[in-house]
């Protein structure tokens, strides 16, 4: 009876060892894949930041166009005033 118990215990230990080994292997593979995906995400964020315009740059461009249109508007007003007074 003790001999059968020892055999069952040995088989159980082997199965548990194999199961833990498979789970460990899968976990390692998933961890490697996750690190690769994190690196790809970081690279993508850098590319997007490099290729796109920032809000500060947009504000600077808007201010430039506003100034240009204000100057154009004032010149048009001067032309209209000159024609009305003439």
C-alpha atoms as a PDB file:
ATOM      1  CA  UNK A   1       0.000   0.000   0.000  1.00  0.00           C
ATOM      2  CA  UNK A   2       2.788   2.417   0.840  1.00  0.00           C
ATOM      3  CA  UNK A   3       4.463   1.505  -2.424  1.00  0.00           C
ATOM      4  CA  UNK A   4       1.368   2.531  -4.444  1.00  0.00           C
ATOM      5  CA  UNK A   5       1.079   5.758  -2.446  1.00  0.00           C
ATOM      6  CA  UNK A   6       4.720   6.570  -3.249  1.00  0.00           C
ATOM      7  CA  UNK A   7       4.127   5.939  -6.960  1.00  0.00           C
ATOM      8  CA  UNK A   8       0.982   8.112  -6.987  1.00  0.00           C
ATOM      9  CA  UNK A   9       2.865  10.830  -5.119  1.00  0.00           C
ATOM     10  CA  UNK A  10       5.742  10.654  -7.614  1.00  0.00           C
ATOM     11  CA  UNK A  11       3.330  10.880 -10.563  1.00  0.00           C
ATOM     12  CA  UNK A  12       1.495  13.766  -8.915  1.00  0.00           C
ATOM     13  CA  UNK A  13       4.802  15.581  -8.303  1.00  0.00           C
ATOM     14  CA  UNK A  14       5.848  15.011 -11.934  1.00  0.00           C
ATOM     15  CA  UNK A  15       2.545  16.351 -13.227  1.00  0.00           C
ATOM     16  CA  UNK A  16       2.735  19.400 -10.979  1.00  0.00           C
ATOM     17  CA  UNK A  17       6.333  20.025 -12.041  1.00  0.00           C
ATOM     18  CA  UNK A  18       5.384  19.768 -15.718  1.00  0.00           C
ATOM     19  CA  UNK A  19       2.392  22.055 -15.207  1.00  0.00           C
ATOM     20  CA  UNK A  20       4.444  24.668 -13.361  1.00  0.00           C
ATOM     21  CA  UNK A  21       7.108  24.454 -16.075  1.00  0.00           C
ATOM     22  CA  UNK A  22       4.562  25.029 -18.854  1.00  0.00           C
ATOM     23  CA  UNK A  23       2.939  27.908 -16.982  1.00  0.00           C
ATOM     24  CA  UNK A  24       6.369  29.454 -16.346  1.00  0.00           C
ATOM     25  CA  UNK A  25       7.300  29.128 -20.009  1.00  0.00           C
ATOM     26  CA  UNK A  26       4.038  30.746 -21.131  1.00  0.00           C
ATOM     27  CA  UNK A  27       4.438  33.540 -18.571  1.00  0.00           C
ATOM     28  CA  UNK A  28       7.977  34.241 -19.788  1.00  0.00           C
ATOM     29  CA  UNK A  29       6.839  34.366 -23.414  1.00  0.00           C
ATOM     30  CA  UNK A  30       3.974  36.725 -22.549  1.00  0.00           C
ATOM     31  CA  UNK A  31       6.314  38.938 -20.551  1.00  0.00           C
ATOM     32  CA  UNK A  32       8.720  39.153 -23.492  1.00  0.00           C
ATOM     33  CA  UNK A  33       5.855  39.996 -25.852  1.00  0.00           C
ATOM     34  CA  UNK A  34       4.596  42.659 -23.431  1.00  0.00           C
ATOM     35  CA  UNK A  35       8.032  44.290 -23.250  1.00  0.00           C
ATOM     36  CA  UNK A  36       8.229  44.322 -27.051  1.00  0.00           C
ATOM     37  CA  UNK A  37       4.794  45.939 -27.271  1.00  0.00           C
ATOM     38  CA  UNK A  38       5.758  48.550 -24.658  1.00  0.00           C
ATOM     39  CA  UNK A  39       8.875  49.438 -26.677  1.00  0.00           C
ATOM     40  CA  UNK A  40       6.811  49.693 -29.861  1.00  0.00           C
ATOM     41  CA  UNK A  41       4.340  51.978 -28.065  1.00  0.00           C
ATOM     42  CA  UNK A  42       7.150  54.225 -26.833  1.00  0.00           C
ATOM     43  CA  UNK A  43       8.573  54.447 -30.353  1.00  0.00           C
ATOM     44  CA  UNK A  44       5.143  55.251 -31.764  1.00  0.00           C
ATOM     45  CA  UNK A  45       4.598  58.009 -29.201  1.00  0.00           C
ATOM     46  CA  UNK A  46       7.955  59.533 -30.123  1.00  0.00           C
ATOM     47  CA  UNK A  47       7.136  59.416 -33.824  1.00  0.00           C
ATOM     48  CA  UNK A  48       3.729  61.004 -33.291  1.00  0.00           C
ATOM     49  CA  UNK A  49       5.223  63.743 -31.125  1.00  0.00           C
ATOM     50  CA  UNK A  50       7.920  64.379 -33.722  1.00  0.00           C
ATOM     51  CA  UNK A  51       5.563  64.444 -36.698  1.00  0.00           C
ATOM     52  CA  UNK A  52       2.690  66.486 -35.255  1.00  0.00           C
ATOM     53  CA  UNK A  53       2.420  70.148 -34.397  1.00  0.00           C
ATOM     54  CA  UNK A  54       2.201  71.207 -30.762  1.00  0.00           C
ATOM     55  CA  UNK A  55      -0.495  73.497 -29.379  1.00  0.00           C
ATOM     56  CA  UNK A  56       2.108  76.215 -28.792  1.00  0.00           C
ATOM     57  CA  UNK A  57       3.069  76.123 -32.459  1.00  0.00           C
ATOM     58  CA  UNK A  58      -0.581  76.297 -33.504  1.00  0.00           C
ATOM     59  CA  UNK A  59      -1.125  79.302 -31.217  1.00  0.00           C
ATOM     60  CA  UNK A  60       1.937  81.002 -32.700  1.00  0.00           C
ATOM     61  CA  UNK A  61       0.654  80.437 -36.255  1.00  0.00           C
ATOM     62  CA  UNK A  62      -2.847  81.645 -35.300  1.00  0.00           C
ATOM     63  CA  UNK A  63      -1.384  84.816 -33.767  1.00  0.00           C
ATOM     64  CA  UNK A  64       0.667  85.441 -36.906  1.00  0.00           C
ATOM     65  CA  UNK A  65      -2.402  85.073 -39.151  1.00  0.00           C
ATOM     66  CA  UNK A  66      -4.480  87.245 -36.831  1.00  0.00           C
ATOM     67  CA  UNK A  67      -1.873  90.006 -37.032  1.00  0.00           C
ATOM     68  CA  UNK A  68      -1.705  89.736 -40.819  1.00  0.00           C
ATOM     69  CA  UNK A  69      -5.489  89.851 -41.176  1.00  0.00           C
ATOM     70  CA  UNK A  70      -5.710  92.789 -38.772  1.00  0.00           C
ATOM     71  CA  UNK A  71      -3.187  94.696 -40.908  1.00  0.00           C
ATOM     72  CA  UNK A  72      -5.109  93.802 -44.054  1.00  0.00           C
ATOM     73  CA  UNK A  73      -8.360  94.855 -42.411  1.00  0.00           C
ATOM     74  CA  UNK A  74      -6.894  98.197 -41.386  1.00  0.00           C
ATOM     75  CA  UNK A  75      -5.578  98.793 -44.928  1.00  0.00           C
ATOM     76  CA  UNK A  76      -9.016  98.005 -46.374  1.00  0.00           C
ATOM     77  CA  UNK A  77     -10.577 100.406 -43.849  1.00  0.00           C
ATOM     78  CA  UNK A  78      -8.092 103.101 -44.896  1.00  0.00           C
ATOM     79  CA  UNK A  79      -8.939 102.554 -48.560  1.00  0.00           C
ATOM     80  CA  UNK A  80     -12.668 102.762 -47.837  1.00  0.00           C
ATOM     81  CA  UNK A  81     -12.204 105.903 -45.743  1.00  0.00           C
ATOM     82  CA  UNK A  82     -10.129 107.453 -48.525  1.00  0.00           C
ATOM     83  CA  UNK A  83     -12.834 106.789 -51.111  1.00  0.00           C
ATOM     84  CA  UNK A  84     -15.580 108.104 -48.858  1.00  0.00           C
ATOM     85  CA  UNK A  85     -13.649 111.298 -48.035  1.00  0.00           C
ATOM     86  CA  UNK A  86     -12.575 111.852 -51.638  1.00  0.00           C
END
